[in-house]
Amino acid sequence: MIPILMQDDTTVGFLKEAMSCVVTEERNGVFELSLTYPVTGTLFDKLQIDRFVKAKPNDTADLQLFRIYEVTKPMNGIVTVDAEHVSYALSNFPVEDIRITGTATQAIENRFQSHS
């Protein structure tokens, strides 16, 4: 699997020179990507925080998007890129306090009507 570097919806390029690309997925836990890349690689200067890497987390899953949150300083000509699954993007947005009455269906309908 060759990871794909993305900027928003645009493909920047394929990270063919990646030395390793490992996705860690734990039930109710982390879902992150870590890849190592040489500073001599074609896309080294494009590896930036808040860009995305598209990769398969396992042999059977579809490609997933991971947001880069860290690119280490080069050590022996190699950097490590750490990225978290895009689903984490919503984790810093709190839900306002709401009060619900009635059935579940009524509560959902009322919630959507109040934000229309």
N, C-alpha and C. Protein backbone atom coordinates (compact mmCIF):
# COMPACT_ATOMS: atom_id res chain seq x y z
N MET A 1 0.83 -1.17 0.00
CA MET A 1 0.00 0.00 0.00
C MET A 1 0.89 1.25 0.00
N ILE A 2 0.62 2.13 -0.93
CA ILE A 2 1.36 3.38 -1.00
C ILE A 2 0.46 4.48 -0.46
N PRO A 3 0.85 5.15 0.63
CA PRO A 3 0.03 6.23 1.17
C PRO A 3 -0.03 7.40 0.19
N ILE A 4 -1.12 8.14 0.26
CA ILE A 4 -1.35 9.28 -0.64
C ILE A 4 -1.38 10.55 0.20
N LEU A 5 -0.60 11.55 -0.19
CA LEU A 5 -0.60 12.84 0.50
C LEU A 5 -1.66 13.73 -0.14
N MET A 6 -2.50 14.32 0.72
CA MET A 6 -3.61 15.14 0.25
C MET A 6 -3.54 16.53 0.89
N GLN A 7 -4.07 17.51 0.17
CA GLN A 7 -4.30 18.84 0.74
C GLN A 7 -5.75 19.15 0.43
N ASP A 8 -6.57 19.17 1.46
CA ASP A 8 -8.02 19.26 1.31
C ASP A 8 -8.50 18.11 0.44
N ASP A 9 -9.14 18.39 -0.69
CA ASP A 9 -9.64 17.32 -1.57
C ASP A 9 -8.70 17.04 -2.74
N THR A 10 -7.53 17.66 -2.73
CA THR A 10 -6.61 17.54 -3.85
C THR A 10 -5.46 16.60 -3.52
N THR A 11 -5.15 15.70 -4.45
CA THR A 11 -4.01 14.80 -4.27
C THR A 11 -2.72 15.56 -4.55
N VAL A 12 -1.84 15.59 -3.55
CA VAL A 12 -0.53 16.22 -3.72
C VAL A 12 0.41 15.23 -4.41
N GLY A 13 0.33 13.97 -4.00
CA GLY A 13 1.17 12.94 -4.63
C GLY A 13 1.18 11.66 -3.82
N PHE A 14 1.81 10.65 -4.40
CA PHE A 14 1.93 9.35 -3.76
C PHE A 14 3.25 9.28 -3.00
N LEU A 15 3.20 8.83 -1.77
CA LEU A 15 4.40 8.76 -0.93
C LEU A 15 5.13 7.43 -1.18
N LYS A 16 5.62 7.28 -2.41
CA LYS A 16 6.25 6.02 -2.83
C LYS A 16 7.54 5.73 -2.07
N GLU A 17 8.22 6.78 -1.62
CA GLU A 17 9.48 6.58 -0.92
C GLU A 17 9.31 6.30 0.57
N ALA A 18 8.06 6.22 1.04
CA ALA A 18 7.82 5.94 2.46
C ALA A 18 8.49 4.63 2.83
N MET A 19 9.24 4.67 3.91
CA MET A 19 9.97 3.48 4.36
C MET A 19 9.07 2.55 5.15
N SER A 20 8.10 3.12 5.85
CA SER A 20 7.10 2.33 6.56
C SER A 20 5.85 3.18 6.72
N CYS A 21 4.73 2.50 6.84
CA CYS A 21 3.46 3.17 7.08
C CYS A 21 2.61 2.21 7.89
N VAL A 22 2.37 2.57 9.15
CA VAL A 22 1.65 1.68 10.06
C VAL A 22 0.44 2.42 10.62
N VAL A 23 -0.72 1.78 10.54
CA VAL A 23 -1.93 2.33 11.14
C VAL A 23 -2.24 1.52 12.39
N THR A 24 -2.43 2.22 13.50
CA THR A 24 -2.80 1.59 14.76
C THR A 24 -4.27 1.90 15.01
N GLU A 25 -5.05 0.84 15.16
CA GLU A 25 -6.48 1.00 15.42
C GLU A 25 -6.86 0.10 16.58
N GLU A 26 -7.29 0.72 17.66
CA GLU A 26 -7.71 -0.02 18.84
C GLU A 26 -9.19 0.23 19.08
N ARG A 27 -9.90 -0.79 19.46
CA ARG A 27 -11.32 -0.63 19.78
C ARG A 27 -11.45 0.35 20.93
N ASN A 28 -12.27 1.36 20.74
CA ASN A 28 -12.47 2.43 21.73
C ASN A 28 -11.15 3.09 22.13
N GLY A 29 -10.21 3.13 21.20
CA GLY A 29 -8.91 3.72 21.49
C GLY A 29 -8.38 4.50 20.30
N VAL A 30 -7.09 4.51 20.16
CA VAL A 30 -6.44 5.30 19.13
C VAL A 30 -6.72 4.75 17.74
N PHE A 31 -6.70 5.66 16.77
CA PHE A 31 -6.80 5.33 15.35
C PHE A 31 -5.86 6.31 14.66
N GLU A 32 -4.59 5.92 14.57
CA GLU A 32 -3.56 6.82 14.09
C GLU A 32 -2.65 6.16 13.07
N LEU A 33 -1.98 6.99 12.32
CA LEU A 33 -1.04 6.56 11.30
C LEU A 33 0.34 7.10 11.65
N SER A 34 1.34 6.29 11.42
CA SER A 34 2.72 6.73 11.61
C SER A 34 3.51 6.24 10.41
N LEU A 35 4.20 7.16 9.75
CA LEU A 35 5.02 6.73 8.61
C LEU A 35 6.39 7.37 8.70
N THR A 36 7.37 6.67 8.16
CA THR A 36 8.73 7.20 8.10
C THR A 36 9.03 7.53 6.65
N TYR A 37 9.73 8.65 6.46
CA TYR A 37 9.97 9.15 5.11
C TYR A 37 11.35 9.79 5.05
N PRO A 38 12.10 9.54 3.99
CA PRO A 38 13.45 10.13 3.89
C PRO A 38 13.39 11.60 3.48
N VAL A 39 14.34 12.37 3.98
CA VAL A 39 14.40 13.79 3.62
C VAL A 39 14.76 13.97 2.14
N THR A 40 15.26 12.91 1.53
CA THR A 40 15.58 12.97 0.10
C THR A 40 14.38 12.58 -0.77
N GLY A 41 13.26 12.25 -0.14
CA GLY A 41 12.06 11.86 -0.88
C GLY A 41 11.47 13.02 -1.66
N THR A 42 10.82 12.70 -2.75
CA THR A 42 10.26 13.71 -3.66
C THR A 42 9.29 14.66 -2.97
N LEU A 43 8.49 14.14 -2.04
CA LEU A 43 7.46 14.96 -1.40
C LEU A 43 7.81 15.39 0.02
N PHE A 44 9.07 15.28 0.40
CA PHE A 44 9.47 15.62 1.76
C PHE A 44 9.02 17.03 2.15
N ASP A 45 9.24 18.01 1.28
CA ASP A 45 8.91 19.40 1.61
C ASP A 45 7.40 19.64 1.65
N LYS A 46 6.61 18.69 1.21
CA LYS A 46 5.14 18.81 1.22
C LYS A 46 4.52 18.20 2.47
N LEU A 47 5.30 17.49 3.27
CA LEU A 47 4.79 16.88 4.50
C LEU A 47 4.65 17.97 5.56
N GLN A 48 3.42 18.46 5.72
CA GLN A 48 3.17 19.58 6.61
C GLN A 48 1.98 19.28 7.52
N ILE A 49 2.01 19.89 8.69
CA ILE A 49 0.91 19.74 9.64
C ILE A 49 -0.38 20.23 9.00
N ASP A 50 -1.47 19.53 9.28
CA ASP A 50 -2.82 19.78 8.80
C ASP A 50 -3.07 19.33 7.36
N ARG A 51 -2.08 18.72 6.74
CA ARG A 51 -2.35 18.03 5.47
C ARG A 51 -2.84 16.64 5.83
N PHE A 52 -3.30 15.91 4.83
CA PHE A 52 -3.88 14.60 5.06
C PHE A 52 -3.09 13.51 4.36
N VAL A 53 -3.13 12.33 4.97
CA VAL A 53 -2.57 11.13 4.35
C VAL A 53 -3.73 10.15 4.21
N LYS A 54 -3.89 9.63 3.01
CA LYS A 54 -4.93 8.63 2.76
C LYS A 54 -4.24 7.28 2.70
N ALA A 55 -4.71 6.34 3.52
CA ALA A 55 -4.08 5.02 3.61
C ALA A 55 -5.11 3.98 4.04
N LYS A 56 -4.79 2.73 3.76
CA LYS A 56 -5.65 1.63 4.20
C LYS A 56 -5.22 1.22 5.61
N PRO A 57 -6.15 1.17 6.55
CA PRO A 57 -5.78 0.78 7.91
C PRO A 57 -5.52 -0.71 8.06
N ASN A 58 -6.06 -1.51 7.13
CA ASN A 58 -5.83 -2.95 7.16
C ASN A 58 -6.08 -3.51 5.75
N ASP A 59 -5.95 -4.80 5.60
CA ASP A 59 -6.07 -5.41 4.27
C ASP A 59 -7.47 -5.36 3.67
N THR A 60 -8.49 -5.27 4.50
CA THR A 60 -9.85 -5.35 3.98
C THR A 60 -10.60 -4.02 3.97
N ALA A 61 -10.13 -3.04 4.68
CA ALA A 61 -10.83 -1.75 4.79
C ALA A 61 -10.55 -0.85 3.59
N ASP A 62 -11.43 0.12 3.41
CA ASP A 62 -11.24 1.14 2.38
C ASP A 62 -10.19 2.14 2.85
N LEU A 63 -9.74 2.97 1.93
CA LEU A 63 -8.80 4.04 2.28
C LEU A 63 -9.44 4.97 3.30
N GLN A 64 -8.64 5.43 4.25
CA GLN A 64 -9.09 6.34 5.31
C GLN A 64 -8.22 7.59 5.30
N LEU A 65 -8.77 8.70 5.76
CA LEU A 65 -8.02 9.95 5.84
C LEU A 65 -7.49 10.16 7.25
N PHE A 66 -6.23 10.57 7.32
CA PHE A 66 -5.57 10.88 8.58
C PHE A 66 -4.97 12.28 8.47
N ARG A 67 -5.20 13.12 9.48
CA ARG A 67 -4.66 14.49 9.49
C ARG A 67 -3.31 14.50 10.18
N ILE A 68 -2.32 15.06 9.50
CA ILE A 68 -0.96 15.14 10.05
C ILE A 68 -0.95 16.14 11.21
N TYR A 69 -0.46 15.68 12.36
CA TYR A 69 -0.34 16.59 13.50
C TYR A 69 1.11 16.77 13.94
N GLU A 70 2.02 15.96 13.41
CA GLU A 70 3.43 16.13 13.77
C GLU A 70 4.33 15.57 12.69
N VAL A 71 5.37 16.33 12.37
CA VAL A 71 6.45 15.86 11.51
C VAL A 71 7.72 16.09 12.32
N THR A 72 8.41 15.01 12.67
CA THR A 72 9.59 15.14 13.54
C THR A 72 10.75 15.78 12.79
N LYS A 73 11.72 16.22 13.55
CA LYS A 73 12.96 16.72 12.95
C LYS A 73 13.71 15.52 12.36
N PRO A 74 14.43 15.75 11.26
CA PRO A 74 15.15 14.64 10.64
C PRO A 74 16.19 14.04 11.58
N MET A 75 16.24 12.71 11.59
CA MET A 75 17.26 11.99 12.32
C MET A 75 17.82 10.94 11.36
N ASN A 76 19.10 11.03 11.08
CA ASN A 76 19.74 10.14 10.11
C ASN A 76 19.05 10.21 8.75
N GLY A 77 18.56 11.41 8.39
CA GLY A 77 17.94 11.61 7.09
C GLY A 77 16.51 11.09 6.97
N ILE A 78 15.86 10.83 8.10
CA ILE A 78 14.51 10.27 8.07
C ILE A 78 13.62 11.05 9.05
N VAL A 79 12.38 11.33 8.64
CA VAL A 79 11.41 11.95 9.53
C VAL A 79 10.29 10.94 9.81
N THR A 80 9.63 11.15 10.93
CA THR A 80 8.44 10.37 11.25
C THR A 80 7.25 11.32 11.18
N VAL A 81 6.22 10.89 10.48
CA VAL A 81 5.00 11.67 10.33
C VAL A 81 3.91 10.97 11.12
N ASP A 82 3.30 11.69 12.06
CA ASP A 82 2.20 11.15 12.86
C ASP A 82 0.91 11.85 12.46
N ALA A 83 -0.14 11.05 12.28
CA ALA A 83 -1.43 11.60 11.86
C ALA A 83 -2.55 10.87 12.58
N GLU A 84 -3.62 11.60 12.87
CA GLU A 84 -4.78 11.01 13.53
C GLU A 84 -5.94 10.93 12.55
N HIS A 85 -6.81 9.96 12.76
CA HIS A 85 -7.95 9.77 11.88
C HIS A 85 -8.82 11.03 11.88
N VAL A 86 -9.41 11.35 10.74
CA VAL A 86 -10.19 12.58 10.62
C VAL A 86 -11.38 12.62 11.58
N SER A 87 -11.84 11.48 12.04
CA SER A 87 -12.96 11.48 12.99
C SER A 87 -12.60 12.21 14.28
N TYR A 88 -11.32 12.35 14.59
CA TYR A 88 -10.89 13.07 15.79
C TYR A 88 -11.14 14.57 15.68
N ALA A 89 -11.36 15.07 14.48
CA ALA A 89 -11.55 16.50 14.28
C ALA A 89 -12.74 17.03 15.07
N LEU A 90 -13.73 16.20 15.31
CA LEU A 90 -14.92 16.63 16.04
C LEU A 90 -14.76 16.51 17.55
N SER A 91 -13.67 15.93 18.01
CA SER A 91 -13.52 15.68 19.44
C SER A 91 -13.33 16.95 20.26
N ASN A 92 -12.98 18.06 19.65
CA ASN A 92 -12.77 19.31 20.39
C ASN A 92 -13.97 20.24 20.32
N PHE A 93 -15.10 19.76 19.81
CA PHE A 93 -16.29 20.58 19.72
C PHE A 93 -17.33 20.05 20.72
N PRO A 94 -17.52 20.77 21.81
CA PRO A 94 -18.47 20.30 22.83
C PRO A 94 -19.91 20.42 22.34
N VAL A 95 -20.75 19.59 22.89
CA VAL A 95 -22.18 19.65 22.60
C VAL A 95 -22.82 20.48 23.70
N GLU A 96 -23.66 21.40 23.29
CA GLU A 96 -24.32 22.24 24.28
C GLU A 96 -25.25 21.41 25.17
N ASP A 97 -25.49 21.91 26.34
CA ASP A 97 -26.38 21.23 27.28
C ASP A 97 -27.81 21.32 26.75
N ILE A 98 -28.48 20.17 26.63
CA ILE A 98 -29.85 20.17 26.13
C ILE A 98 -30.72 19.36 27.08
N ARG A 99 -31.99 19.70 27.12
CA ARG A 99 -32.99 18.98 27.90
C ARG A 99 -33.95 18.35 26.91
N ILE A 100 -34.25 17.07 27.12
CA ILE A 100 -35.10 16.34 26.19
C ILE A 100 -36.31 15.79 26.95
N THR A 101 -37.49 15.97 26.35
CA THR A 101 -38.71 15.39 26.91
C THR A 101 -39.45 14.67 25.79
N GLY A 102 -40.31 13.75 26.14
CA GLY A 102 -41.09 13.03 25.15
C GLY A 102 -40.36 11.77 24.69
N THR A 103 -40.80 11.23 23.59
CA THR A 103 -40.19 10.02 23.03
C THR A 103 -38.90 10.38 22.31
N ALA A 104 -38.12 9.37 21.97
CA ALA A 104 -36.86 9.61 21.24
C ALA A 104 -37.14 10.28 19.90
N THR A 105 -38.18 9.83 19.20
CA THR A 105 -38.52 10.42 17.90
C THR A 105 -38.89 11.88 18.06
N GLN A 106 -39.69 12.22 19.07
CA GLN A 106 -40.07 13.61 19.30
C GLN A 106 -38.86 14.47 19.64
N ALA A 107 -37.97 13.92 20.44
CA ALA A 107 -36.77 14.66 20.84
C ALA A 107 -35.91 14.98 19.63
N ILE A 108 -35.72 14.00 18.75
CA ILE A 108 -34.90 14.23 17.55
C ILE A 108 -35.56 15.26 16.65
N GLU A 109 -36.88 15.13 16.45
CA GLU A 109 -37.59 16.09 15.61
C GLU A 109 -37.49 17.50 16.18
N ASN A 110 -37.67 17.63 17.50
CA ASN A 110 -37.57 18.95 18.14
C ASN A 110 -36.16 19.51 18.02
N ARG A 111 -35.17 18.68 18.14
CA ARG A 111 -33.77 19.13 18.06
C ARG A 111 -33.47 19.69 16.68
N PHE A 112 -33.90 18.98 15.64
CA PHE A 112 -33.66 19.45 14.27
C PHE A 112 -34.47 20.69 13.93
N GLN A 113 -35.68 20.80 14.46
CA GLN A 113 -36.51 21.98 14.20
C GLN A 113 -35.91 23.22 14.85
N SER A 114 -35.29 23.07 16.00
CA SER A 114 -34.72 24.22 16.69
C SER A 114 -33.44 24.74 16.02
N HIS A 115 -32.84 23.96 15.12
CA HIS A 115 -31.62 24.39 14.44
C HIS A 115 -31.84 24.57 12.94
N SER A 116 -33.05 24.71 12.50
CA SER A 116 -33.34 24.90 11.07
C SER A 116 -33.28 26.34 10.70
